N, C-alpha and C. Protein backbone atom coordinates (compact mmCIF):
# COMPACT_ATOMS: atom_id res chain seq x y z
N MET A 1 93.25 115.55 108.21
CA MET A 1 92.84 114.33 107.52
C MET A 1 91.43 113.94 107.97
N SER A 2 90.57 113.59 107.02
CA SER A 2 89.22 113.18 107.38
C SER A 2 89.26 111.85 108.11
N GLU A 3 88.22 111.59 108.90
CA GLU A 3 88.14 110.37 109.70
C GLU A 3 88.12 109.16 108.78
N ARG A 4 89.00 108.22 109.05
CA ARG A 4 89.09 107.04 108.20
C ARG A 4 88.06 106.00 108.64
N ARG A 5 87.51 105.29 107.66
CA ARG A 5 86.42 104.35 107.90
C ARG A 5 86.94 102.91 107.89
N VAL A 6 86.58 102.16 108.91
CA VAL A 6 86.95 100.75 108.99
C VAL A 6 85.67 99.93 109.11
N LEU A 7 85.56 98.90 108.29
CA LEU A 7 84.45 97.96 108.36
C LEU A 7 84.93 96.71 109.10
N VAL A 8 84.30 96.39 110.21
CA VAL A 8 84.62 95.19 110.99
C VAL A 8 83.58 94.12 110.66
N VAL A 9 84.04 92.98 110.16
CA VAL A 9 83.16 91.87 109.79
C VAL A 9 83.46 90.72 110.73
N GLU A 10 82.58 90.51 111.69
CA GLU A 10 82.80 89.50 112.74
C GLU A 10 81.45 89.11 113.31
N ASP A 11 81.17 87.79 113.38
CA ASP A 11 79.86 87.35 113.86
C ASP A 11 79.83 87.09 115.36
N ASP A 12 81.00 87.02 116.01
CA ASP A 12 81.03 86.84 117.46
C ASP A 12 80.82 88.19 118.13
N PRO A 13 79.73 88.38 118.88
CA PRO A 13 79.44 89.70 119.46
C PRO A 13 80.52 90.20 120.41
N THR A 14 81.12 89.30 121.18
CA THR A 14 82.15 89.71 122.14
C THR A 14 83.39 90.23 121.42
N ILE A 15 83.86 89.46 120.44
CA ILE A 15 85.05 89.88 119.69
C ILE A 15 84.75 91.15 118.91
N ALA A 16 83.59 91.18 118.24
CA ALA A 16 83.23 92.37 117.45
C ALA A 16 83.19 93.61 118.33
N GLY A 17 82.57 93.49 119.51
CA GLY A 17 82.47 94.64 120.40
C GLY A 17 83.82 95.15 120.86
N SER A 18 84.73 94.20 121.17
CA SER A 18 86.06 94.60 121.63
C SER A 18 86.85 95.28 120.52
N VAL A 19 86.78 94.72 119.31
CA VAL A 19 87.52 95.29 118.18
C VAL A 19 86.98 96.67 117.83
N ILE A 20 85.65 96.78 117.79
CA ILE A 20 85.03 98.07 117.44
C ILE A 20 85.40 99.14 118.47
N ALA A 21 85.33 98.77 119.76
CA ALA A 21 85.65 99.74 120.82
C ALA A 21 87.10 100.21 120.71
N ARG A 22 88.02 99.28 120.44
CA ARG A 22 89.44 99.65 120.34
C ARG A 22 89.68 100.56 119.13
N LEU A 23 89.09 100.23 117.99
CA LEU A 23 89.31 101.03 116.79
C LEU A 23 88.69 102.41 116.92
N ARG A 24 87.53 102.50 117.57
CA ARG A 24 86.93 103.82 117.81
C ARG A 24 87.81 104.65 118.75
N ALA A 25 88.40 103.99 119.74
CA ALA A 25 89.32 104.68 120.64
C ALA A 25 90.55 105.18 119.90
N GLU A 26 90.90 104.51 118.79
CA GLU A 26 92.04 104.92 117.96
C GLU A 26 91.67 106.05 117.01
N GLY A 27 90.40 106.44 116.99
CA GLY A 27 89.99 107.57 116.17
C GLY A 27 89.34 107.22 114.84
N PHE A 28 88.99 105.94 114.64
CA PHE A 28 88.38 105.52 113.39
C PHE A 28 86.86 105.58 113.46
N ALA A 29 86.23 105.82 112.33
CA ALA A 29 84.78 105.62 112.20
C ALA A 29 84.59 104.15 111.85
N VAL A 30 83.83 103.43 112.66
CA VAL A 30 83.74 101.98 112.52
C VAL A 30 82.31 101.55 112.23
N ALA A 31 82.16 100.71 111.19
CA ALA A 31 80.88 100.07 110.89
C ALA A 31 81.05 98.57 111.11
N HIS A 32 79.92 97.87 111.28
CA HIS A 32 79.98 96.44 111.60
C HIS A 32 79.03 95.66 110.71
N ALA A 33 79.48 94.47 110.31
CA ALA A 33 78.62 93.50 109.63
C ALA A 33 78.89 92.13 110.24
N GLY A 34 77.82 91.31 110.38
CA GLY A 34 77.97 90.03 111.06
C GLY A 34 77.83 88.82 110.17
N THR A 35 77.54 89.02 108.88
CA THR A 35 77.41 87.90 107.95
C THR A 35 78.16 88.22 106.66
N GLY A 36 78.39 87.18 105.86
CA GLY A 36 79.06 87.39 104.58
C GLY A 36 78.30 88.32 103.65
N PRO A 37 77.03 88.06 103.36
CA PRO A 37 76.28 88.95 102.47
C PRO A 37 76.20 90.38 102.98
N ALA A 38 76.02 90.55 104.30
CA ALA A 38 75.95 91.90 104.86
C ALA A 38 77.27 92.63 104.71
N ALA A 39 78.38 91.89 104.79
CA ALA A 39 79.70 92.50 104.65
C ALA A 39 79.92 93.02 103.23
N VAL A 40 79.55 92.23 102.24
CA VAL A 40 79.72 92.65 100.84
C VAL A 40 78.87 93.88 100.56
N ASP A 41 77.63 93.88 101.06
CA ASP A 41 76.74 95.02 100.86
C ASP A 41 77.30 96.27 101.55
N ALA A 42 77.78 96.11 102.79
CA ALA A 42 78.32 97.26 103.53
C ALA A 42 79.56 97.83 102.85
N ALA A 43 80.42 96.95 102.33
CA ALA A 43 81.64 97.42 101.66
C ALA A 43 81.30 98.23 100.42
N GLU A 44 80.26 97.81 99.69
CA GLU A 44 79.87 98.52 98.49
C GLU A 44 79.24 99.87 98.82
N ARG A 45 78.43 99.90 99.89
CA ARG A 45 77.73 101.14 100.26
C ARG A 45 78.65 102.15 100.94
N LEU A 46 79.46 101.66 101.87
CA LEU A 46 80.22 102.55 102.74
C LEU A 46 81.60 102.92 102.18
N LYS A 47 82.12 102.09 101.27
CA LYS A 47 83.45 102.32 100.70
C LYS A 47 84.48 102.58 101.80
N PRO A 48 84.71 101.59 102.66
CA PRO A 48 85.63 101.77 103.78
C PRO A 48 87.07 101.93 103.32
N ASP A 49 87.89 102.49 104.20
CA ASP A 49 89.32 102.62 103.92
C ASP A 49 90.07 101.34 104.25
N LEU A 50 89.46 100.48 105.08
CA LEU A 50 90.07 99.21 105.47
C LEU A 50 88.98 98.28 105.97
N VAL A 51 89.18 96.98 105.78
CA VAL A 51 88.23 95.97 106.25
C VAL A 51 88.95 95.01 107.19
N VAL A 52 88.41 94.82 108.39
CA VAL A 52 88.85 93.77 109.31
C VAL A 52 87.87 92.63 109.15
N LEU A 53 88.34 91.48 108.69
CA LEU A 53 87.44 90.44 108.19
C LEU A 53 87.69 89.09 108.86
N ASP A 54 86.69 88.57 109.55
CA ASP A 54 86.78 87.24 110.13
C ASP A 54 86.64 86.19 109.03
N LEU A 55 87.35 85.08 109.19
CA LEU A 55 87.32 84.04 108.16
C LEU A 55 86.03 83.22 108.21
N MET A 56 85.56 82.89 109.41
CA MET A 56 84.39 82.04 109.56
C MET A 56 83.16 82.91 109.81
N LEU A 57 82.23 82.91 108.84
CA LEU A 57 81.05 83.76 108.92
C LEU A 57 79.82 83.00 108.46
N PRO A 58 78.64 83.35 108.96
CA PRO A 58 77.40 82.79 108.40
C PRO A 58 77.10 83.43 107.04
N GLY A 59 76.32 82.73 106.25
CA GLY A 59 75.97 83.21 104.91
C GLY A 59 76.96 82.67 103.91
N PHE A 60 78.14 83.24 103.85
CA PHE A 60 79.31 82.64 103.19
C PHE A 60 80.54 83.16 103.89
N ASP A 61 81.66 82.44 103.73
CA ASP A 61 82.81 82.69 104.59
C ASP A 61 83.60 83.92 104.17
N GLY A 62 84.60 84.24 104.98
CA GLY A 62 85.41 85.42 104.75
C GLY A 62 86.19 85.38 103.46
N LEU A 63 86.55 84.19 102.99
CA LEU A 63 87.27 84.09 101.71
C LEU A 63 86.39 84.60 100.57
N GLU A 64 85.12 84.22 100.57
CA GLU A 64 84.21 84.68 99.52
C GLU A 64 83.94 86.18 99.68
N VAL A 65 83.83 86.65 100.92
CA VAL A 65 83.66 88.09 101.15
C VAL A 65 84.86 88.84 100.58
N CYS A 66 86.06 88.37 100.89
CA CYS A 66 87.28 89.02 100.42
C CYS A 66 87.34 89.00 98.89
N ARG A 67 86.98 87.89 98.29
CA ARG A 67 86.98 87.77 96.83
C ARG A 67 86.05 88.81 96.20
N GLN A 68 84.84 88.93 96.77
CA GLN A 68 83.87 89.87 96.19
C GLN A 68 84.27 91.32 96.44
N ILE A 69 84.80 91.61 97.63
CA ILE A 69 85.25 92.97 97.91
C ILE A 69 86.42 93.34 97.00
N HIS A 70 87.32 92.41 96.81
CA HIS A 70 88.48 92.65 95.94
C HIS A 70 88.01 92.96 94.51
N ARG A 71 86.99 92.23 94.05
CA ARG A 71 86.45 92.48 92.71
C ARG A 71 85.83 93.88 92.65
N GLN A 72 85.08 94.26 93.68
CA GLN A 72 84.50 95.61 93.75
C GLN A 72 85.59 96.68 93.68
N GLN A 73 86.66 96.45 94.43
CA GLN A 73 87.73 97.43 94.51
C GLN A 73 88.35 97.69 93.15
N TRP A 74 88.64 96.61 92.43
CA TRP A 74 89.31 96.78 91.15
C TRP A 74 88.39 97.42 90.13
N GLN A 75 87.10 97.10 90.18
CA GLN A 75 86.16 97.74 89.27
C GLN A 75 86.05 99.24 89.56
N ALA A 76 86.17 99.61 90.84
CA ALA A 76 86.08 101.01 91.23
C ALA A 76 87.42 101.73 91.15
N GLY A 77 88.51 100.98 90.95
CA GLY A 77 89.83 101.59 90.86
C GLY A 77 90.37 102.07 92.18
N ARG A 78 89.94 101.45 93.30
CA ARG A 78 90.44 101.87 94.62
C ARG A 78 90.64 100.65 95.51
N PRO A 79 91.77 99.95 95.37
CA PRO A 79 92.04 98.79 96.23
C PRO A 79 91.99 99.17 97.70
N VAL A 80 91.35 98.34 98.51
CA VAL A 80 91.18 98.60 99.94
C VAL A 80 91.87 97.48 100.73
N PRO A 81 92.72 97.82 101.69
CA PRO A 81 93.40 96.78 102.47
C PRO A 81 92.42 95.93 103.27
N VAL A 82 92.72 94.64 103.38
CA VAL A 82 91.91 93.70 104.15
C VAL A 82 92.81 93.01 105.17
N LEU A 83 92.44 93.12 106.44
CA LEU A 83 93.12 92.41 107.53
C LEU A 83 92.23 91.24 107.92
N MET A 84 92.69 90.02 107.69
CA MET A 84 91.87 88.84 107.93
C MET A 84 92.13 88.27 109.33
N LEU A 85 91.06 87.92 110.02
CA LEU A 85 91.13 87.27 111.33
C LEU A 85 90.79 85.80 111.16
N THR A 86 91.63 84.92 111.70
CA THR A 86 91.38 83.50 111.53
C THR A 86 91.73 82.74 112.80
N ALA A 87 90.95 81.70 113.08
CA ALA A 87 91.26 80.82 114.21
C ALA A 87 92.22 79.73 113.78
N ARG A 88 92.54 79.67 112.47
CA ARG A 88 93.40 78.62 111.95
C ARG A 88 94.75 79.21 111.57
N ASP A 89 95.80 78.41 111.76
CA ASP A 89 97.15 78.88 111.47
C ASP A 89 97.81 77.99 110.41
N ASP A 90 96.98 77.35 109.58
CA ASP A 90 97.50 76.49 108.53
C ASP A 90 97.98 77.34 107.35
N GLU A 91 99.17 77.03 106.84
CA GLU A 91 99.75 77.86 105.78
C GLU A 91 98.87 77.87 104.53
N ASN A 92 98.25 76.74 104.20
CA ASN A 92 97.40 76.71 103.01
C ASN A 92 96.22 77.66 103.15
N ASP A 93 95.62 77.72 104.35
CA ASP A 93 94.51 78.65 104.58
C ASP A 93 94.97 80.09 104.40
N LEU A 94 96.17 80.39 104.92
CA LEU A 94 96.68 81.75 104.81
C LEU A 94 96.98 82.11 103.37
N LEU A 95 97.54 81.17 102.61
CA LEU A 95 97.84 81.43 101.20
C LEU A 95 96.56 81.65 100.40
N VAL A 96 95.51 80.89 100.72
CA VAL A 96 94.24 81.10 100.03
C VAL A 96 93.71 82.49 100.34
N GLY A 97 93.82 82.91 101.61
CA GLY A 97 93.37 84.24 101.99
C GLY A 97 94.11 85.32 101.23
N LEU A 98 95.43 85.18 101.10
CA LEU A 98 96.21 86.15 100.34
C LEU A 98 95.82 86.13 98.87
N ALA A 99 95.53 84.95 98.35
CA ALA A 99 95.20 84.82 96.94
C ALA A 99 93.90 85.53 96.57
N VAL A 100 92.95 85.59 97.50
CA VAL A 100 91.66 86.23 97.18
C VAL A 100 91.65 87.70 97.55
N GLY A 101 92.78 88.23 98.06
CA GLY A 101 92.85 89.68 98.25
C GLY A 101 93.18 90.18 99.64
N ALA A 102 93.43 89.28 100.62
CA ALA A 102 93.81 89.75 101.95
C ALA A 102 95.22 90.32 101.93
N ASP A 103 95.46 91.34 102.74
CA ASP A 103 96.78 91.97 102.80
C ASP A 103 97.57 91.54 104.03
N ASP A 104 96.88 91.13 105.06
CA ASP A 104 97.53 90.77 106.31
C ASP A 104 96.58 89.87 107.07
N TYR A 105 97.07 89.21 108.11
CA TYR A 105 96.20 88.34 108.90
C TYR A 105 96.64 88.34 110.35
N LEU A 106 95.70 88.02 111.22
CA LEU A 106 95.97 87.79 112.63
C LEU A 106 95.29 86.49 113.03
N THR A 107 96.00 85.68 113.80
CA THR A 107 95.44 84.42 114.28
C THR A 107 94.86 84.61 115.67
N LYS A 108 93.62 84.15 115.86
CA LYS A 108 92.97 84.23 117.17
C LYS A 108 93.60 83.22 118.13
N PRO A 109 93.70 83.58 119.42
CA PRO A 109 93.39 84.88 120.03
C PRO A 109 94.49 85.89 119.71
N PHE A 110 94.12 87.16 119.61
CA PHE A 110 95.09 88.19 119.26
C PHE A 110 94.97 89.35 120.25
N SER A 111 96.03 90.14 120.29
CA SER A 111 96.05 91.33 121.13
C SER A 111 95.38 92.49 120.40
N LEU A 112 94.51 93.21 121.10
CA LEU A 112 93.88 94.39 120.49
C LEU A 112 94.92 95.46 120.17
N ARG A 113 95.97 95.53 120.96
CA ARG A 113 97.05 96.48 120.67
C ARG A 113 97.73 96.14 119.35
N VAL A 114 97.99 94.84 119.14
CA VAL A 114 98.61 94.41 117.89
C VAL A 114 97.67 94.66 116.72
N LEU A 115 96.38 94.36 116.90
CA LEU A 115 95.41 94.60 115.83
C LEU A 115 95.40 96.08 115.45
N ALA A 116 95.36 96.97 116.43
CA ALA A 116 95.36 98.40 116.13
C ALA A 116 96.63 98.81 115.39
N ALA A 117 97.77 98.24 115.80
CA ALA A 117 99.03 98.57 115.12
C ALA A 117 99.02 98.10 113.68
N ARG A 118 98.46 96.92 113.43
CA ARG A 118 98.39 96.40 112.05
C ARG A 118 97.47 97.27 111.20
N VAL A 119 96.36 97.71 111.77
CA VAL A 119 95.43 98.57 111.03
C VAL A 119 96.12 99.87 110.64
N HIS A 120 96.81 100.49 111.60
CA HIS A 120 97.52 101.74 111.30
C HIS A 120 98.58 101.52 110.21
N ALA A 121 99.31 100.40 110.30
CA ALA A 121 100.37 100.13 109.32
C ALA A 121 99.79 99.94 107.92
N LEU A 122 98.68 99.20 107.82
CA LEU A 122 98.04 98.99 106.52
C LEU A 122 97.55 100.30 105.93
N LEU A 123 96.97 101.15 106.75
CA LEU A 123 96.47 102.43 106.26
C LEU A 123 97.59 103.36 105.85
N ARG A 124 98.70 103.33 106.58
CA ARG A 124 99.84 104.16 106.19
C ARG A 124 100.34 103.77 104.80
N ARG A 125 100.40 102.48 104.54
CA ARG A 125 100.85 102.03 103.21
C ARG A 125 99.85 102.43 102.15
N ALA A 126 98.56 102.30 102.45
CA ALA A 126 97.54 102.62 101.46
C ALA A 126 97.51 104.11 101.15
N GLU A 127 97.94 104.94 102.11
CA GLU A 127 97.88 106.38 101.93
C GLU A 127 99.15 106.98 101.33
N ARG A 128 100.14 106.15 101.07
CA ARG A 128 101.35 106.67 100.43
C ARG A 128 101.00 107.27 99.08
N THR A 129 101.55 108.43 98.80
CA THR A 129 101.30 109.04 97.50
C THR A 129 102.02 108.26 96.43
N THR A 130 101.41 108.19 95.25
CA THR A 130 102.04 107.49 94.14
C THR A 130 103.19 108.32 93.59
N SER A 131 104.20 107.65 93.09
CA SER A 131 105.38 108.33 92.58
C SER A 131 105.10 108.96 91.23
N PRO A 132 105.58 110.20 91.00
CA PRO A 132 105.39 110.82 89.69
C PRO A 132 106.38 110.31 88.66
N GLU A 133 107.31 109.47 89.07
CA GLU A 133 108.33 108.99 88.15
C GLU A 133 107.74 108.07 87.10
N ALA A 134 108.53 107.82 86.08
CA ALA A 134 108.10 106.95 85.00
C ALA A 134 107.91 105.53 85.51
N SER A 135 107.24 104.73 84.72
CA SER A 135 107.02 103.33 85.06
C SER A 135 108.34 102.59 85.21
N ILE A 136 108.33 101.57 86.04
CA ILE A 136 109.48 100.67 86.17
C ILE A 136 109.31 99.56 85.15
N LYS A 137 110.32 99.33 84.32
CA LYS A 137 110.27 98.24 83.34
C LYS A 137 111.48 97.34 83.56
N LEU A 138 111.20 96.11 83.92
CA LEU A 138 112.24 95.12 84.17
C LEU A 138 111.88 93.85 83.42
N GLY A 139 112.49 93.65 82.27
CA GLY A 139 112.18 92.47 81.47
C GLY A 139 110.70 92.45 81.13
N PRO A 140 110.00 91.35 81.45
CA PRO A 140 108.58 91.26 81.12
C PRO A 140 107.67 92.02 82.08
N LEU A 141 108.27 92.62 83.11
CA LEU A 141 107.51 93.24 84.18
C LEU A 141 107.42 94.75 83.98
N GLU A 142 106.21 95.31 84.11
CA GLU A 142 106.01 96.75 84.04
C GLU A 142 105.19 97.19 85.25
N ILE A 143 105.71 98.17 85.99
CA ILE A 143 105.01 98.72 87.15
C ILE A 143 104.67 100.17 86.84
N ILE A 144 103.38 100.48 86.74
CA ILE A 144 102.92 101.82 86.42
C ILE A 144 102.58 102.51 87.73
N ARG A 145 103.54 103.25 88.26
CA ARG A 145 103.40 103.76 89.61
C ARG A 145 102.32 104.84 89.73
N SER A 146 102.12 105.62 88.69
CA SER A 146 101.10 106.66 88.78
C SER A 146 99.69 106.09 88.92
N GLU A 147 99.51 104.82 88.53
CA GLU A 147 98.20 104.17 88.60
C GLU A 147 98.19 102.98 89.55
N ARG A 148 99.34 102.67 90.15
CA ARG A 148 99.48 101.48 91.00
C ARG A 148 99.01 100.23 90.27
N ARG A 149 99.47 100.07 89.05
CA ARG A 149 99.13 98.90 88.23
C ARG A 149 100.39 98.14 87.86
N VAL A 150 100.22 96.83 87.67
CA VAL A 150 101.35 95.96 87.33
C VAL A 150 100.95 95.08 86.15
N ARG A 151 101.88 94.95 85.19
CA ARG A 151 101.64 94.06 84.05
C ARG A 151 102.83 93.15 83.86
N ARG A 152 102.54 91.93 83.45
CA ARG A 152 103.60 91.01 83.02
C ARG A 152 103.28 90.59 81.59
N ASP A 153 104.22 90.82 80.67
CA ASP A 153 104.03 90.52 79.25
C ASP A 153 102.74 91.16 78.74
N GLY A 154 102.43 92.36 79.23
CA GLY A 154 101.26 93.10 78.78
C GLY A 154 99.96 92.74 79.47
N ALA A 155 99.94 91.64 80.22
CA ALA A 155 98.72 91.22 80.92
C ALA A 155 98.73 91.78 82.34
N GLU A 156 97.62 92.43 82.73
CA GLU A 156 97.55 93.05 84.05
C GLU A 156 97.41 92.01 85.14
N ALA A 157 98.15 92.21 86.22
CA ALA A 157 98.06 91.37 87.42
C ALA A 157 97.38 92.16 88.51
N HIS A 158 96.34 91.63 89.09
CA HIS A 158 95.59 92.31 90.15
C HIS A 158 96.24 92.00 91.49
N LEU A 159 97.03 92.93 91.99
CA LEU A 159 97.73 92.75 93.26
C LEU A 159 97.00 93.48 94.37
N THR A 160 97.11 92.95 95.57
CA THR A 160 96.61 93.66 96.74
C THR A 160 97.54 94.84 97.02
N PRO A 161 97.10 95.82 97.83
CA PRO A 161 97.99 96.93 98.17
C PRO A 161 99.33 96.49 98.75
N THR A 162 99.32 95.48 99.61
CA THR A 162 100.57 95.02 100.21
C THR A 162 101.45 94.33 99.18
N GLU A 163 100.86 93.50 98.33
CA GLU A 163 101.64 92.84 97.28
C GLU A 163 102.30 93.87 96.37
N TYR A 164 101.55 94.92 96.03
CA TYR A 164 102.09 95.97 95.17
C TYR A 164 103.28 96.66 95.85
N ASP A 165 103.13 97.05 97.11
CA ASP A 165 104.21 97.73 97.81
C ASP A 165 105.44 96.84 97.93
N LEU A 166 105.24 95.56 98.19
CA LEU A 166 106.36 94.62 98.28
C LEU A 166 107.07 94.50 96.95
N LEU A 167 106.32 94.40 95.85
CA LEU A 167 106.92 94.28 94.53
C LEU A 167 107.72 95.53 94.17
N VAL A 168 107.16 96.72 94.43
CA VAL A 168 107.87 97.97 94.12
C VAL A 168 109.17 98.06 94.93
N TYR A 169 109.10 97.67 96.20
CA TYR A 169 110.30 97.71 97.04
C TYR A 169 111.39 96.81 96.48
N LEU A 170 111.01 95.61 96.04
CA LEU A 170 111.97 94.69 95.43
C LEU A 170 112.49 95.24 94.10
N ALA A 171 111.59 95.81 93.29
CA ALA A 171 111.97 96.30 91.96
C ALA A 171 112.92 97.49 92.06
N GLU A 172 112.69 98.36 93.04
CA GLU A 172 113.57 99.52 93.21
C GLU A 172 114.97 99.12 93.67
N ARG A 173 115.10 97.89 94.15
CA ARG A 173 116.39 97.36 94.60
C ARG A 173 116.72 96.10 93.80
N HIS A 174 116.50 96.20 92.50
CA HIS A 174 116.67 95.08 91.57
C HIS A 174 118.00 94.37 91.78
N ARG A 175 117.92 93.07 91.93
CA ARG A 175 119.05 92.16 92.13
C ARG A 175 119.63 92.19 93.55
N SER A 176 119.24 93.14 94.37
CA SER A 176 119.74 93.16 95.75
C SER A 176 119.01 92.10 96.57
N VAL A 177 119.75 91.37 97.39
CA VAL A 177 119.15 90.37 98.27
C VAL A 177 118.65 91.07 99.53
N LEU A 178 117.35 91.00 99.76
CA LEU A 178 116.72 91.73 100.86
C LEU A 178 116.28 90.75 101.95
N PRO A 179 116.82 90.87 103.15
CA PRO A 179 116.44 89.95 104.23
C PRO A 179 114.96 90.06 104.57
N ARG A 180 114.39 88.97 105.03
CA ARG A 180 112.98 88.95 105.42
C ARG A 180 112.69 89.99 106.50
N GLU A 181 113.60 90.10 107.46
CA GLU A 181 113.38 91.05 108.56
C GLU A 181 113.32 92.49 108.05
N ARG A 182 114.13 92.81 107.04
CA ARG A 182 114.10 94.16 106.48
C ARG A 182 112.79 94.41 105.74
N LEU A 183 112.35 93.41 104.96
CA LEU A 183 111.08 93.54 104.25
C LEU A 183 109.93 93.70 105.24
N LEU A 184 109.98 92.93 106.32
CA LEU A 184 108.93 93.00 107.33
C LEU A 184 108.87 94.38 107.97
N ALA A 185 110.03 94.95 108.25
CA ALA A 185 110.08 96.27 108.88
C ALA A 185 109.67 97.37 107.91
N GLU A 186 110.13 97.30 106.66
CA GLU A 186 109.90 98.37 105.69
C GLU A 186 108.50 98.34 105.10
N ILE A 187 107.97 97.16 104.82
CA ILE A 187 106.67 97.05 104.15
C ILE A 187 105.54 96.96 105.17
N TRP A 188 105.72 96.12 106.18
CA TRP A 188 104.64 95.93 107.16
C TRP A 188 104.76 96.86 108.36
N GLY A 189 105.96 97.40 108.60
CA GLY A 189 106.16 98.25 109.75
C GLY A 189 106.18 97.49 111.06
N TRP A 190 106.55 96.20 111.00
CA TRP A 190 106.59 95.39 112.21
C TRP A 190 108.01 95.31 112.72
N ALA A 191 108.15 95.29 114.05
CA ALA A 191 109.46 95.06 114.65
C ALA A 191 109.63 93.59 115.03
N GLU A 192 108.51 92.84 115.06
CA GLU A 192 108.57 91.45 115.52
C GLU A 192 109.15 90.55 114.44
N GLY A 193 110.27 89.90 114.74
CA GLY A 193 110.91 89.03 113.76
C GLY A 193 110.11 87.79 113.44
N TYR A 194 109.20 87.38 114.35
CA TYR A 194 108.47 86.14 114.12
C TYR A 194 107.48 86.27 112.97
N GLY A 195 107.25 87.47 112.46
CA GLY A 195 106.31 87.65 111.36
C GLY A 195 106.88 87.36 109.99
N THR A 196 108.12 86.83 109.93
CA THR A 196 108.74 86.62 108.62
C THR A 196 107.94 85.62 107.77
N ARG A 197 107.14 84.79 108.40
CA ARG A 197 106.30 83.87 107.63
C ARG A 197 105.32 84.64 106.74
N THR A 198 104.90 85.81 107.20
CA THR A 198 104.02 86.66 106.40
C THR A 198 104.72 87.07 105.10
N VAL A 199 106.00 87.42 105.19
CA VAL A 199 106.76 87.78 103.99
C VAL A 199 106.77 86.60 103.02
N ASP A 200 107.06 85.41 103.51
CA ASP A 200 107.10 84.22 102.65
C ASP A 200 105.76 84.00 101.95
N SER A 201 104.67 84.18 102.68
CA SER A 201 103.35 83.97 102.10
C SER A 201 103.06 84.97 100.99
N HIS A 202 103.46 86.22 101.18
CA HIS A 202 103.22 87.23 100.14
C HIS A 202 104.12 87.02 98.93
N ILE A 203 105.34 86.55 99.15
CA ILE A 203 106.21 86.21 98.02
C ILE A 203 105.59 85.09 97.19
N LYS A 204 105.02 84.09 97.86
CA LYS A 204 104.36 83.00 97.14
C LYS A 204 103.18 83.53 96.33
N ALA A 205 102.44 84.48 96.91
CA ALA A 205 101.31 85.06 96.18
C ALA A 205 101.79 85.83 94.95
N LEU A 206 102.89 86.59 95.09
CA LEU A 206 103.43 87.31 93.94
C LEU A 206 103.90 86.35 92.85
N ARG A 207 104.54 85.28 93.25
CA ARG A 207 104.99 84.30 92.26
C ARG A 207 103.82 83.66 91.53
N ARG A 208 102.75 83.41 92.26
CA ARG A 208 101.58 82.81 91.62
C ARG A 208 100.97 83.77 90.59
N LYS A 209 100.97 85.06 90.90
CA LYS A 209 100.33 86.03 90.01
C LYS A 209 101.25 86.51 88.88
N LEU A 210 102.57 86.50 89.13
CA LEU A 210 103.50 87.08 88.16
C LEU A 210 104.46 86.07 87.54
N GLY A 211 104.48 84.85 88.08
CA GLY A 211 105.42 83.85 87.59
C GLY A 211 106.52 83.60 88.60
N ALA A 212 106.93 82.35 88.69
CA ALA A 212 107.91 81.95 89.70
C ALA A 212 109.33 82.36 89.35
N ASP A 213 109.56 82.84 88.13
CA ASP A 213 110.92 83.11 87.68
C ASP A 213 111.44 84.50 88.04
N LEU A 214 110.59 85.39 88.52
CA LEU A 214 111.00 86.77 88.75
C LEU A 214 111.68 87.00 90.09
N ILE A 215 111.32 86.23 91.11
CA ILE A 215 111.82 86.46 92.46
C ILE A 215 112.64 85.26 92.90
N ARG A 216 113.91 85.52 93.23
CA ARG A 216 114.82 84.45 93.64
C ARG A 216 114.87 84.35 95.16
N THR A 217 114.84 83.14 95.67
CA THR A 217 115.00 82.90 97.10
C THR A 217 116.48 82.68 97.42
N VAL A 218 116.98 83.41 98.38
CA VAL A 218 118.33 83.19 98.89
C VAL A 218 118.15 82.53 100.25
N HIS A 219 118.34 81.23 100.30
CA HIS A 219 117.98 80.46 101.48
C HIS A 219 118.72 80.96 102.73
N GLY A 220 117.94 81.13 103.78
CA GLY A 220 118.48 81.60 105.03
C GLY A 220 118.67 83.10 105.11
N VAL A 221 118.38 83.81 104.00
CA VAL A 221 118.57 85.26 103.99
C VAL A 221 117.28 85.98 103.62
N GLY A 222 116.86 85.85 102.34
CA GLY A 222 115.68 86.57 101.92
C GLY A 222 115.41 86.41 100.44
N TYR A 223 115.06 87.52 99.75
CA TYR A 223 114.61 87.45 98.36
C TYR A 223 115.24 88.55 97.52
N ALA A 224 115.31 88.29 96.21
CA ALA A 224 115.79 89.30 95.26
C ALA A 224 114.95 89.21 93.99
N LEU A 225 114.59 90.36 93.42
CA LEU A 225 113.92 90.40 92.14
C LEU A 225 114.98 90.32 91.06
N GLU A 226 114.84 89.37 90.13
CA GLU A 226 115.90 89.07 89.18
C GLU A 226 115.53 89.38 87.73
N ALA A 227 114.38 90.04 87.48
CA ALA A 227 113.99 90.35 86.10
C ALA A 227 115.03 91.26 85.47
N GLU A 228 115.34 91.02 84.20
CA GLU A 228 116.31 91.85 83.50
C GLU A 228 115.68 93.18 83.12
N PRO A 229 116.40 94.30 83.24
CA PRO A 229 115.86 95.60 82.82
C PRO A 229 115.52 95.59 81.34
N ALA A 230 114.42 96.30 80.99
CA ALA A 230 114.02 96.38 79.58
C ALA A 230 115.00 97.27 78.84
């Protein structure tokens, strides 16, 4: 496998240096940008396999960087995972980050070991081969697996790589109630149960993009996709 490229976007020299050193030790080719405009330019030029993105940046913030990178990705037909770093743990901030294209987040201060594990997990999901099987059609929902595209009522929904994987996992187990812990382990590859809030945030993002009627919450347990088969 060729060396995978990671773009680290962080304006704090100490944090940037530590993250870059750890990722290089993990075998990645790492580039760095310290401002919002520089990050967008680097993403377009370098076409990284993953972006580690700080939320607070000079020039413009990480949300705008993520929005512009996400737009680049869809125009190029190659969605790229984004791991967002934030000093804030407010749910609204996290939901906004997911809405503009982030796939995962870490709250500062964070462990470099955990960051490396999250990067590996995101890349493993992004590198999964697409299924040769026919599209999944469930009521108004169509999942075109050969192209990693999703449509509702014929209108395309631009999902992040993680949102897409979560939706396919739910669709392949249509009507089954899937616990948060199982989704966290299967989609994110995490063993830590405390990350179930991440699952909730991604479900909210899917509902916003596809409609609130497709995914049912089973309180105290998890979620089920309830669209009727076509």
